[in-house]
All heavy atoms as atom14 arrays in JSON, in Angstrom:
{
  "sequence": "FCTDVYDKTARVELLHFERPEMKFEGIEQLKLQLAKD",
  "atom14_mask": [
    [1, 1, 1, 1, 1, 1, 1, 1, 1, 1, 1, 0, 0, 0],
    [1, 1, 1, 1, 1, 1, 0, 0, 0, 0, 0, 0, 0, 0],
    [1, 1, 1, 1, 1, 1, 1, 0, 0, 0, 0, 0, 0, 0],
    [1, 1, 1, 1, 1, 1, 1, 1, 0, 0, 0, 0, 0, 0],
    [1, 1, 1, 1, 1, 1, 1, 0, 0, 0, 0, 0, 0, 0],
    [1, 1, 1, 1, 1, 1, 1, 1, 1, 1, 1, 1, 0, 0],
    [1, 1, 1, 1, 1, 1, 1, 1, 0, 0, 0, 0, 0, 0],
    [1, 1, 1, 1, 1, 1, 1, 1, 1, 0, 0, 0, 0, 0],
    [1, 1, 1, 1, 1, 1, 1, 0, 0, 0, 0, 0, 0, 0],
    [1, 1, 1, 1, 1, 0, 0, 0, 0, 0, 0, 0, 0, 0],
    [1, 1, 1, 1, 1, 1, 1, 1, 1, 1, 1, 0, 0, 0],
    [1, 1, 1, 1, 1, 1, 1, 0, 0, 0, 0, 0, 0, 0],
    [1, 1, 1, 1, 1, 1, 1, 1, 1, 0, 0, 0, 0, 0],
    [1, 1, 1, 1, 1, 1, 1, 1, 0, 0, 0, 0, 0, 0],
    [1, 1, 1, 1, 1, 1, 1, 1, 0, 0, 0, 0, 0, 0],
    [1, 1, 1, 1, 1, 1, 1, 1, 1, 1, 0, 0, 0, 0],
    [1, 1, 1, 1, 1, 1, 1, 1, 1, 1, 1, 0, 0, 0],
    [1, 1, 1, 1, 1, 1, 1, 1, 1, 0, 0, 0, 0, 0],
    [1, 1, 1, 1, 1, 1, 1, 1, 1, 1, 1, 0, 0, 0],
    [1, 1, 1, 1, 1, 1, 1, 0, 0, 0, 0, 0, 0, 0],
    [1, 1, 1, 1, 1, 1, 1, 1, 1, 0, 0, 0, 0, 0],
    [1, 1, 1, 1, 1, 1, 1, 1, 0, 0, 0, 0, 0, 0],
    [1, 1, 1, 1, 1, 1, 1, 1, 1, 0, 0, 0, 0, 0],
    [1, 1, 1, 1, 1, 1, 1, 1, 1, 1, 1, 0, 0, 0],
    [1, 1, 1, 1, 1, 1, 1, 1, 1, 0, 0, 0, 0, 0],
    [1, 1, 1, 1, 0, 0, 0, 0, 0, 0, 0, 0, 0, 0],
    [1, 1, 1, 1, 1, 1, 1, 1, 0, 0, 0, 0, 0, 0],
    [1, 1, 1, 1, 1, 1, 1, 1, 1, 0, 0, 0, 0, 0],
    [1, 1, 1, 1, 1, 1, 1, 1, 1, 0, 0, 0, 0, 0],
    [1, 1, 1, 1, 1, 1, 1, 1, 0, 0, 0, 0, 0, 0],
    [1, 1, 1, 1, 1, 1, 1, 1, 1, 0, 0, 0, 0, 0],
    [1, 1, 1, 1, 1, 1, 1, 1, 0, 0, 0, 0, 0, 0],
    [1, 1, 1, 1, 1, 1, 1, 1, 1, 0, 0, 0, 0, 0],
    [1, 1, 1, 1, 1, 1, 1, 1, 0, 0, 0, 0, 0, 0],
    [1, 1, 1, 1, 1, 0, 0, 0, 0, 0, 0, 0, 0, 0],
    [1, 1, 1, 1, 1, 1, 1, 1, 1, 0, 0, 0, 0, 0],
    [1, 1, 1, 1, 1, 1, 1, 1, 0, 0, 0, 0, 0, 0]
  ],
  "atom14_positions": [
    [[51.82, 96.01, 79.37], [51.99, 95.55, 77.99], [50.98, 94.44, 77.7], [50.86, 93.48, 78.47], [53.41, 95.01, 77.79], [53.75, 94.66, 76.37], [54.22, 95.63, 75.5], [53.59, 93.37, 75.91], [54.55, 95.31, 74.19], [53.91, 93.04, 74.6], [54.39, 94.01, 73.75], [0.0, 0.0, 0.0], [0.0, 0.0, 0.0], [0.0, 0.0, 0.0]],
    [[50.25, 94.58, 76.61], [49.27, 93.54, 76.27], [49.14, 93.36, 74.75], [48.09, 92.97, 74.24], [47.91, 93.85, 76.88], [47.22, 95.44, 76.36], [0.0, 0.0, 0.0], [0.0, 0.0, 0.0], [0.0, 0.0, 0.0], [0.0, 0.0, 0.0], [0.0, 0.0, 0.0], [0.0, 0.0, 0.0], [0.0, 0.0, 0.0], [0.0, 0.0, 0.0]],
    [[50.2, 93.66, 74.01], [50.17, 93.6, 72.55], [50.52, 92.21, 72.05], [51.34, 91.51, 72.66], [51.17, 94.61, 71.96], [50.9, 95.9, 72.51], [51.08, 94.67, 70.45], [0.0, 0.0, 0.0], [0.0, 0.0, 0.0], [0.0, 0.0, 0.0], [0.0, 0.0, 0.0], [0.0, 0.0, 0.0], [0.0, 0.0, 0.0], [0.0, 0.0, 0.0]],
    [[49.93, 91.81, 70.95], [50.24, 90.53, 70.32], [51.58, 90.68, 69.58], [51.69, 91.45, 68.63], [49.13, 90.14, 69.33], [49.35, 88.76, 68.73], [50.48, 88.25, 68.8], [48.4, 88.19, 68.17], [0.0, 0.0, 0.0], [0.0, 0.0, 0.0], [0.0, 0.0, 0.0], [0.0, 0.0, 0.0], [0.0, 0.0, 0.0], [0.0, 0.0, 0.0]],
    [[52.6, 89.96, 70.03], [53.93, 90.12, 69.45], [54.54, 88.77, 69.03], [55.76, 88.63, 68.95], [54.89, 90.83, 70.43], [54.54, 92.3, 70.54], [54.86, 90.17, 71.81], [0.0, 0.0, 0.0], [0.0, 0.0, 0.0], [0.0, 0.0, 0.0], [0.0, 0.0, 0.0], [0.0, 0.0, 0.0], [0.0, 0.0, 0.0], [0.0, 0.0, 0.0]],
    [[53.7, 87.8, 68.76], [54.21, 86.5, 68.33], [55.08, 86.64, 67.08], [54.79, 87.43, 66.19], [53.06, 85.53, 68.05], [52.28, 85.16, 69.29], [50.91, 85.42, 69.38], [52.9, 84.55, 70.38], [50.19, 85.08, 70.51], [52.19, 84.22, 71.52], [50.84, 84.49, 71.59], [50.13, 84.16, 72.71], [0.0, 0.0, 0.0], [0.0, 0.0, 0.0]],
    [[56.16, 85.86, 67.05], [57.12, 85.8, 65.95], [58.05, 87.0, 65.88], [58.93, 87.05, 65.02], [56.41, 85.64, 64.59], [55.73, 84.29, 64.47], [56.24, 83.32, 65.05], [54.68, 84.22, 63.81], [0.0, 0.0, 0.0], [0.0, 0.0, 0.0], [0.0, 0.0, 0.0], [0.0, 0.0, 0.0], [0.0, 0.0, 0.0], [0.0, 0.0, 0.0]],
    [[57.9, 87.96, 66.79], [58.85, 89.06, 66.86], [60.02, 88.65, 67.76], [59.92, 87.72, 68.55], [58.19, 90.33, 67.39], [57.16, 90.9, 66.42], [56.69, 92.26, 66.86], [55.72, 92.86, 65.83], [55.3, 94.23, 66.19], [0.0, 0.0, 0.0], [0.0, 0.0, 0.0], [0.0, 0.0, 0.0], [0.0, 0.0, 0.0], [0.0, 0.0, 0.0]],
    [[61.14, 89.35, 67.6], [62.33, 89.03, 68.39], [62.41, 89.94, 69.6], [62.23, 91.16, 69.5], [63.6, 89.2, 67.54], [63.57, 88.24, 66.47], [64.85, 88.94, 68.39], [0.0, 0.0, 0.0], [0.0, 0.0, 0.0], [0.0, 0.0, 0.0], [0.0, 0.0, 0.0], [0.0, 0.0, 0.0], [0.0, 0.0, 0.0], [0.0, 0.0, 0.0]],
    [[62.65, 89.33, 70.75], [62.79, 90.09, 72.0], [64.12, 89.75, 72.66], [64.67, 88.67, 72.47], [61.64, 89.77, 72.95], [0.0, 0.0, 0.0], [0.0, 0.0, 0.0], [0.0, 0.0, 0.0], [0.0, 0.0, 0.0], [0.0, 0.0, 0.0], [0.0, 0.0, 0.0], [0.0, 0.0, 0.0], [0.0, 0.0, 0.0], [0.0, 0.0, 0.0]],
    [[64.59, 90.71, 73.42], [65.81, 90.51, 74.23], [65.42, 90.68, 75.69], [64.9, 91.74, 76.09], [66.86, 91.54, 73.82], [68.12, 91.55, 74.67], [69.14, 92.43, 73.98], [70.32, 92.69, 74.77], [71.46, 93.14, 74.25], [71.54, 93.36, 72.95], [72.51, 93.37, 75.02], [0.0, 0.0, 0.0], [0.0, 0.0, 0.0], [0.0, 0.0, 0.0]],
    [[65.64, 89.63, 76.48], [65.26, 89.64, 77.89], [66.53, 89.63, 78.74], [67.29, 88.66, 78.73], [64.37, 88.43, 78.24], [64.05, 88.42, 79.73], [63.1, 88.45, 77.41], [0.0, 0.0, 0.0], [0.0, 0.0, 0.0], [0.0, 0.0, 0.0], [0.0, 0.0, 0.0], [0.0, 0.0, 0.0], [0.0, 0.0, 0.0], [0.0, 0.0, 0.0]],
    [[66.77, 90.73, 79.44], [67.94, 90.85, 80.3], [67.56, 90.51, 81.74], [66.55, 91.0, 82.25], [68.5, 92.27, 80.25], [68.96, 92.71, 78.87], [69.52, 94.11, 78.84], [69.24, 94.88, 79.8], [70.22, 94.44, 77.88], [0.0, 0.0, 0.0], [0.0, 0.0, 0.0], [0.0, 0.0, 0.0], [0.0, 0.0, 0.0], [0.0, 0.0, 0.0]],
    [[68.36, 89.68, 82.38], [68.11, 89.3, 83.77], [68.91, 90.21, 84.7], [70.13, 90.32, 84.57], [68.48, 87.84, 84.0], [67.8, 86.81, 83.1], [68.15, 85.4, 83.54], [66.28, 87.01, 83.05], [0.0, 0.0, 0.0], [0.0, 0.0, 0.0], [0.0, 0.0, 0.0], [0.0, 0.0, 0.0], [0.0, 0.0, 0.0], [0.0, 0.0, 0.0]],
    [[68.2, 90.84, 85.64], [68.83, 91.83, 86.51], [69.03, 91.34, 87.93], [70.01, 91.71, 88.59], [67.98, 93.11, 86.53], [67.64, 93.73, 85.18], [66.77, 94.96, 85.39], [68.9, 94.09, 84.41], [0.0, 0.0, 0.0], [0.0, 0.0, 0.0], [0.0, 0.0, 0.0], [0.0, 0.0, 0.0], [0.0, 0.0, 0.0], [0.0, 0.0, 0.0]],
    [[68.08, 90.53, 88.42], [68.12, 90.16, 89.84], [67.33, 88.88, 90.06], [66.24, 88.71, 89.5], [67.52, 91.3, 90.67], [67.38, 90.99, 92.13], [68.45, 90.94, 92.98], [66.29, 90.72, 92.89], [68.03, 90.65, 94.2], [66.73, 90.51, 94.17], [0.0, 0.0, 0.0], [0.0, 0.0, 0.0], [0.0, 0.0, 0.0], [0.0, 0.0, 0.0]],
    [[67.88, 87.97, 90.84], [67.21, 86.72, 91.18], [66.25, 86.94, 92.35], [66.67, 87.46, 93.39], [68.24, 85.65, 91.54], [67.66, 84.34, 91.97], [67.16, 83.45, 91.03], [67.61, 83.98, 93.31], [66.63, 82.22, 91.4], [67.08, 82.77, 93.7], [66.59, 81.88, 92.75], [0.0, 0.0, 0.0], [0.0, 0.0, 0.0], [0.0, 0.0, 0.0]],
    [[64.99, 86.57, 92.16], [64.02, 86.73, 93.25], [63.83, 85.45, 94.04], [63.97, 85.42, 95.26], [62.67, 87.19, 92.7], [61.65, 87.39, 93.81], [60.21, 87.37, 93.34], [59.96, 87.43, 92.14], [59.32, 87.26, 94.22], [0.0, 0.0, 0.0], [0.0, 0.0, 0.0], [0.0, 0.0, 0.0], [0.0, 0.0, 0.0], [0.0, 0.0, 0.0]],
    [[63.5, 84.36, 93.34], [63.21, 83.1, 94.05], [63.39, 81.92, 93.09], [63.36, 82.09, 91.86], [61.76, 83.09, 94.57], [60.71, 83.14, 93.47], [59.31, 82.91, 93.99], [58.3, 83.03, 92.94], [57.95, 82.05, 92.11], [58.55, 80.86, 92.2], [57.02, 82.24, 91.2], [0.0, 0.0, 0.0], [0.0, 0.0, 0.0], [0.0, 0.0, 0.0]],
    [[63.57, 80.71, 93.63], [63.67, 79.54, 92.76], [62.32, 79.17, 92.17], [61.26, 79.56, 92.7], [64.18, 78.44, 93.69], [63.74, 78.88, 95.05], [63.79, 80.38, 95.05], [0.0, 0.0, 0.0], [0.0, 0.0, 0.0], [0.0, 0.0, 0.0], [0.0, 0.0, 0.0], [0.0, 0.0, 0.0], [0.0, 0.0, 0.0], [0.0, 0.0, 0.0]],
    [[62.33, 78.42, 91.07], [61.09, 77.93, 90.48], [60.45, 76.94, 91.44], [61.14, 76.11, 92.05], [61.38, 77.26, 89.14], [60.11, 76.85, 88.41], [60.39, 76.29, 87.03], [61.24, 75.38, 86.9], [59.77, 76.76, 86.06], [0.0, 0.0, 0.0], [0.0, 0.0, 0.0], [0.0, 0.0, 0.0], [0.0, 0.0, 0.0], [0.0, 0.0, 0.0]],
    [[59.13, 77.03, 91.58], [58.42, 76.17, 92.53], [57.21, 75.53, 91.85], [56.63, 76.1, 90.92], [57.95, 76.99, 93.74], [59.07, 77.6, 94.55], [58.46, 78.49, 96.01], [57.76, 79.95, 95.24], [0.0, 0.0, 0.0], [0.0, 0.0, 0.0], [0.0, 0.0, 0.0], [0.0, 0.0, 0.0], [0.0, 0.0, 0.0], [0.0, 0.0, 0.0]],
    [[56.83, 74.37, 92.37], [55.61, 73.73, 91.92], [54.51, 74.0, 92.94], [54.68, 73.74, 94.13], [55.81, 72.22, 91.75], [54.57, 71.52, 91.2], [54.84, 70.06, 90.89], [53.6, 69.4, 90.3], [53.85, 67.98, 89.94], [0.0, 0.0, 0.0], [0.0, 0.0, 0.0], [0.0, 0.0, 0.0], [0.0, 0.0, 0.0], [0.0, 0.0, 0.0]],
    [[53.38, 74.55, 92.47], [52.27, 74.87, 93.36], [51.18, 73.81, 93.24], [51.09, 73.11, 92.23], [51.72, 76.26, 93.01], [52.73, 77.36, 93.17], [53.48, 77.81, 92.08], [52.96, 77.92, 94.41], [54.41, 78.8, 92.22], [53.9, 78.93, 94.57], [54.63, 79.37, 93.47], [0.0, 0.0, 0.0], [0.0, 0.0, 0.0], [0.0, 0.0, 0.0]],
    [[50.36, 73.72, 94.27], [49.3, 72.7, 94.29], [48.22, 72.98, 93.26], [47.54, 72.06, 92.81], [48.69, 72.6, 95.68], [49.66, 72.05, 96.73], [49.0, 71.92, 98.09], [47.77, 72.2, 98.19], [49.69, 71.54, 99.04], [0.0, 0.0, 0.0], [0.0, 0.0, 0.0], [0.0, 0.0, 0.0], [0.0, 0.0, 0.0], [0.0, 0.0, 0.0]],
    [[48.06, 74.23, 92.89], [47.02, 74.55, 91.91], [47.21, 75.95, 91.35], [48.11, 76.7, 91.75], [0.0, 0.0, 0.0], [0.0, 0.0, 0.0], [0.0, 0.0, 0.0], [0.0, 0.0, 0.0], [0.0, 0.0, 0.0], [0.0, 0.0, 0.0], [0.0, 0.0, 0.0], [0.0, 0.0, 0.0], [0.0, 0.0, 0.0], [0.0, 0.0, 0.0]],
    [[46.33, 76.31, 90.44], [46.41, 77.59, 89.75], [46.23, 78.76, 90.7], [46.88, 79.8, 90.55], [45.37, 77.65, 88.62], [45.7, 76.63, 87.52], [45.32, 79.05, 88.0], [47.03, 76.87, 86.84], [0.0, 0.0, 0.0], [0.0, 0.0, 0.0], [0.0, 0.0, 0.0], [0.0, 0.0, 0.0], [0.0, 0.0, 0.0], [0.0, 0.0, 0.0]],
    [[45.36, 78.62, 91.7], [45.11, 79.73, 92.62], [46.37, 80.1, 93.4], [46.67, 81.29, 93.59], [43.97, 79.39, 93.58], [42.6, 79.38, 92.93], [42.29, 80.69, 92.2], [42.52, 81.76, 92.8], [41.83, 80.64, 91.05], [0.0, 0.0, 0.0], [0.0, 0.0, 0.0], [0.0, 0.0, 0.0], [0.0, 0.0, 0.0], [0.0, 0.0, 0.0]],
    [[47.09, 79.08, 93.85], [48.35, 79.36, 94.55], [49.35, 80.02, 93.6], [50.09, 80.93, 94.0], [48.94, 78.07, 95.12], [48.32, 77.61, 96.42], [49.16, 76.54, 97.09], [50.07, 75.97, 96.49], [48.85, 76.23, 98.34], [0.0, 0.0, 0.0], [0.0, 0.0, 0.0], [0.0, 0.0, 0.0], [0.0, 0.0, 0.0], [0.0, 0.0, 0.0]],
    [[49.36, 79.56, 92.37], [50.25, 80.15, 91.37], [49.91, 81.62, 91.15], [50.8, 82.47, 91.09], [50.14, 79.38, 90.05], [50.91, 79.95, 88.85], [52.41, 79.98, 89.14], [50.63, 79.13, 87.6], [0.0, 0.0, 0.0], [0.0, 0.0, 0.0], [0.0, 0.0, 0.0], [0.0, 0.0, 0.0], [0.0, 0.0, 0.0], [0.0, 0.0, 0.0]],
    [[48.62, 81.94, 91.07], [48.19, 83.32, 90.86], [48.63, 84.22, 92.02], [49.1, 85.34, 91.81], [46.67, 83.39, 90.71], [46.16, 82.87, 89.38], [44.65, 82.77, 89.34], [43.99, 84.12, 89.48], [42.51, 84.02, 89.35], [0.0, 0.0, 0.0], [0.0, 0.0, 0.0], [0.0, 0.0, 0.0], [0.0, 0.0, 0.0], [0.0, 0.0, 0.0]],
    [[48.5, 83.72, 93.24], [48.9, 84.5, 94.41], [50.4, 84.79, 94.36], [50.84, 85.91, 94.66], [48.54, 83.75, 95.69], [47.05, 83.68, 96.04], [46.82, 82.77, 97.23], [46.52, 85.08, 96.35], [0.0, 0.0, 0.0], [0.0, 0.0, 0.0], [0.0, 0.0, 0.0], [0.0, 0.0, 0.0], [0.0, 0.0, 0.0], [0.0, 0.0, 0.0]],
    [[51.18, 83.77, 94.02], [52.63, 83.97, 93.97], [53.02, 84.9, 92.84], [53.92, 85.74, 92.99], [53.35, 82.62, 93.81], [54.86, 82.73, 93.85], [55.38, 83.34, 95.14], [55.08, 82.85, 96.23], [56.16, 84.42, 95.03], [0.0, 0.0, 0.0], [0.0, 0.0, 0.0], [0.0, 0.0, 0.0], [0.0, 0.0, 0.0], [0.0, 0.0, 0.0]],
    [[52.37, 84.79, 91.69], [52.66, 85.68, 90.57], [52.4, 87.14, 90.95], [53.17, 88.03, 90.57], [51.83, 85.29, 89.35], [52.27, 84.02, 88.6], [51.28, 83.68, 87.5], [53.67, 84.18, 88.03], [0.0, 0.0, 0.0], [0.0, 0.0, 0.0], [0.0, 0.0, 0.0], [0.0, 0.0, 0.0], [0.0, 0.0, 0.0], [0.0, 0.0, 0.0]],
    [[51.32, 87.37, 91.67], [51.01, 88.73, 92.12], [52.13, 89.26, 93.01], [52.53, 90.43, 92.91], [49.67, 88.76, 92.84], [0.0, 0.0, 0.0], [0.0, 0.0, 0.0], [0.0, 0.0, 0.0], [0.0, 0.0, 0.0], [0.0, 0.0, 0.0], [0.0, 0.0, 0.0], [0.0, 0.0, 0.0], [0.0, 0.0, 0.0], [0.0, 0.0, 0.0]],
    [[52.66, 88.39, 93.88], [53.77, 88.8, 94.75], [55.03, 89.08, 93.93], [55.75, 90.05, 94.19], [54.05, 87.7, 95.8], [52.94, 87.5, 96.81], [53.3, 86.38, 97.77], [52.18, 86.13, 98.77], [52.51, 85.0, 99.69], [0.0, 0.0, 0.0], [0.0, 0.0, 0.0], [0.0, 0.0, 0.0], [0.0, 0.0, 0.0], [0.0, 0.0, 0.0]],
    [[55.29, 88.21, 92.95], [56.46, 88.39, 92.09], [56.39, 89.73, 91.35], [57.39, 90.46, 91.25], [56.56, 87.25, 91.07], [56.82, 85.9, 91.72], [57.33, 85.86, 92.85], [56.49, 84.88, 91.07], [0.0, 0.0, 0.0], [0.0, 0.0, 0.0], [0.0, 0.0, 0.0], [0.0, 0.0, 0.0], [0.0, 0.0, 0.0], [0.0, 0.0, 0.0]]
  ]
}
């Protein structure tokens, strides 16, 4: 999905907990974790 949908209404259902929110040392570490997520 890559459509511009600002100001539209969305419903986000949570199905499963993967991991707690974490603070990373930098953007590169964040990118690696996002890819895993």
